[in-house]
Amino acid sequence: MTGLHKARLSETQMSNSAVTLLAEALGVDPKVVDENVSIRQTSAWDSLAHFRIVLALEERLGRKLTPIEVVSVRDFQSVSNLIQACEI
């Protein structure tokens, strides 16, 4: 397995982690979670769901999110980026 393949596998795993985390926090089927999920585009992403997402991220990362991180959690990419930054 090449280094590039390992990196892609890692990205896929990170994406799967974000999908699972968001699906559970939003109470939706993982099949409907994709790169387009966001606080503005997803009706299930209300203030309570946002709180559940933050709590799930804190549990996953093993630390509290900073206030800036809490407000930056706005879409699939931001969740994925937080997971990836802490897994590297």
C-alpha atoms as a PDB file:
ATOM      1  CA  MET A   1       0.000   0.000   0.000  1.00  0.00           C
ATOM      2  CA  THR A   2       1.479   3.320  -1.035  1.00  0.00           C
ATOM      3  CA  GLY A   3       1.585   6.415   1.134  1.00  0.00           C
ATOM      4  CA  LEU A   4      -0.921   8.108  -1.166  1.00  0.00           C
ATOM      5  CA  HIS A   5      -3.340   5.198  -0.818  1.00  0.00           C
ATOM      6  CA  LYS A   6      -3.007   5.337   2.969  1.00  0.00           C
ATOM      7  CA  ALA A   7      -3.784   9.067   2.894  1.00  0.00           C
ATOM      8  CA  ARG A   8      -6.908   8.478   0.801  1.00  0.00           C
ATOM      9  CA  LEU A   9      -8.012   5.689   3.096  1.00  0.00           C
ATOM     10  CA  SER A  10      -7.523   8.005   6.028  1.00  0.00           C
ATOM     11  CA  GLU A  11      -9.621  10.718   4.342  1.00  0.00           C
ATOM     12  CA  THR A  12     -12.355   8.171   3.695  1.00  0.00           C
ATOM     13  CA  GLN A  13     -12.283   7.062   7.314  1.00  0.00           C
ATOM     14  CA  MET A  14     -12.471  10.686   8.474  1.00  0.00           C
ATOM     15  CA  SER A  15     -15.412  11.292   6.144  1.00  0.00           C
ATOM     16  CA  ASN A  16     -17.166   8.181   7.473  1.00  0.00           C
ATOM     17  CA  SER A  17     -16.581   9.409  11.030  1.00  0.00           C
ATOM     18  CA  ALA A  18     -18.162  12.765  10.168  1.00  0.00           C
ATOM     19  CA  VAL A  19     -21.131  11.050   8.495  1.00  0.00           C
ATOM     20  CA  THR A  20     -21.723   8.802  11.511  1.00  0.00           C
ATOM     21  CA  LEU A  21     -21.343  11.635  14.015  1.00  0.00           C
ATOM     22  CA  LEU A  22     -23.678  13.959  12.119  1.00  0.00           C
ATOM     23  CA  ALA A  23     -26.286  11.274  11.425  1.00  0.00           C
ATOM     24  CA  GLU A  24     -26.472  10.326  15.100  1.00  0.00           C
ATOM     25  CA  ALA A  25     -26.548  13.928  16.334  1.00  0.00           C
ATOM     26  CA  LEU A  26     -29.147  15.001  13.748  1.00  0.00           C
ATOM     27  CA  GLY A  27     -31.234  11.859  14.174  1.00  0.00           C
ATOM     28  CA  VAL A  28     -31.174  11.054  10.458  1.00  0.00           C
ATOM     29  CA  ASP A  29     -30.205   8.088   8.322  1.00  0.00           C
ATOM     30  CA  PRO A  30     -26.473   8.151   7.486  1.00  0.00           C
ATOM     31  CA  LYS A  31     -27.442   7.759   3.812  1.00  0.00           C
ATOM     32  CA  VAL A  32     -28.776  11.326   3.756  1.00  0.00           C
ATOM     33  CA  VAL A  33     -25.600  12.833   5.228  1.00  0.00           C
ATOM     34  CA  ASP A  34     -23.226  14.124   2.571  1.00  0.00           C
ATOM     35  CA  GLU A  35     -20.984  17.108   1.868  1.00  0.00           C
ATOM     36  CA  ASN A  36     -24.059  19.340   1.486  1.00  0.00           C
ATOM     37  CA  VAL A  37     -25.260  18.964   5.078  1.00  0.00           C
ATOM     38  CA  SER A  38     -25.132  22.331   6.797  1.00  0.00           C
ATOM     39  CA  ILE A  39     -26.826  24.394   9.450  1.00  0.00           C
ATOM     40  CA  ARG A  40     -28.545  26.412   6.692  1.00  0.00           C
ATOM     41  CA  GLN A  41     -29.541  23.541   4.380  1.00  0.00           C
ATOM     42  CA  THR A  42     -30.600  20.836   6.840  1.00  0.00           C
ATOM     43  CA  SER A  43     -33.904  21.218   8.667  1.00  0.00           C
ATOM     44  CA  ALA A  44     -32.872  18.690  11.330  1.00  0.00           C
ATOM     45  CA  TRP A  45     -29.894  20.930  12.260  1.00  0.00           C
ATOM     46  CA  ASP A  46     -31.544  23.147  14.836  1.00  0.00           C
ATOM     47  CA  SER A  47     -30.052  24.583  18.045  1.00  0.00           C
ATOM     48  CA  LEU A  48     -30.532  21.348  19.973  1.00  0.00           C
ATOM     49  CA  ALA A  49     -28.932  19.318  17.175  1.00  0.00           C
ATOM     50  CA  HIS A  50     -26.024  21.775  17.143  1.00  0.00           C
ATOM     51  CA  PHE A  51     -25.536  21.146  20.858  1.00  0.00           C
ATOM     52  CA  ARG A  52     -25.582  17.366  20.231  1.00  0.00           C
ATOM     53  CA  ILE A  53     -23.011  17.772  17.429  1.00  0.00           C
ATOM     54  CA  VAL A  54     -20.711  19.782  19.705  1.00  0.00           C
ATOM     55  CA  LEU A  55     -21.039  17.211  22.491  1.00  0.00           C
ATOM     56  CA  ALA A  56     -20.376  14.349  20.074  1.00  0.00           C
ATOM     57  CA  LEU A  57     -17.285  16.127  18.731  1.00  0.00           C
ATOM     58  CA  GLU A  58     -15.993  16.742  22.258  1.00  0.00           C
ATOM     59  CA  GLU A  59     -16.491  13.091  23.113  1.00  0.00           C
ATOM     60  CA  ARG A  60     -14.825  11.961  19.885  1.00  0.00           C
ATOM     61  CA  LEU A  61     -11.872  14.333  20.303  1.00  0.00           C
ATOM     62  CA  GLY A  62     -11.489  13.804  24.043  1.00  0.00           C
ATOM     63  CA  ARG A  63     -11.485  17.512  24.818  1.00  0.00           C
ATOM     64  CA  LYS A  64     -13.722  20.559  25.044  1.00  0.00           C
ATOM     65  CA  LEU A  65     -14.144  22.625  21.908  1.00  0.00           C
ATOM     66  CA  THR A  66     -13.063  26.233  22.097  1.00  0.00           C
ATOM     67  CA  PRO A  67     -15.787  28.873  21.695  1.00  0.00           C
ATOM     68  CA  ILE A  68     -14.431  29.640  18.217  1.00  0.00           C
ATOM     69  CA  GLU A  69     -14.636  25.947  17.270  1.00  0.00           C
ATOM     70  CA  VAL A  70     -18.217  25.736  18.576  1.00  0.00           C
ATOM     71  CA  VAL A  71     -19.393  28.552  16.317  1.00  0.00           C
ATOM     72  CA  SER A  72     -17.313  27.283  13.378  1.00  0.00           C
ATOM     73  CA  VAL A  73     -19.234  23.990  13.313  1.00  0.00           C
ATOM     74  CA  ARG A  74     -21.584  24.930  10.483  1.00  0.00           C
ATOM     75  CA  ASP A  75     -21.444  22.115   7.933  1.00  0.00           C
ATOM     76  CA  PHE A  76     -20.123  18.690   6.993  1.00  0.00           C
ATOM     77  CA  GLN A  77     -16.704  20.050   6.029  1.00  0.00           C
ATOM     78  CA  SER A  78     -16.153  21.864   9.329  1.00  0.00           C
ATOM     79  CA  VAL A  79     -17.015  18.710  11.296  1.00  0.00           C
ATOM     80  CA  SER A  80     -14.750  16.612   9.087  1.00  0.00           C
ATOM     81  CA  ASN A  81     -11.920  19.155   9.422  1.00  0.00           C
ATOM     82  CA  LEU A  82     -12.121  19.140  13.226  1.00  0.00           C
ATOM     83  CA  ILE A  83     -12.010  15.354  13.324  1.00  0.00           C
ATOM     84  CA  GLN A  84      -9.118  15.247  10.859  1.00  0.00           C
ATOM     85  CA  ALA A  85      -7.098  17.943  12.674  1.00  0.00           C
ATOM     86  CA  CYS A  86      -7.257  16.009  15.921  1.00  0.00           C
ATOM     87  CA  GLU A  87      -6.560  12.607  14.379  1.00  0.00           C
ATOM     88  CA  ILE A  88      -3.310  13.626  12.674  1.00  0.00           C
END
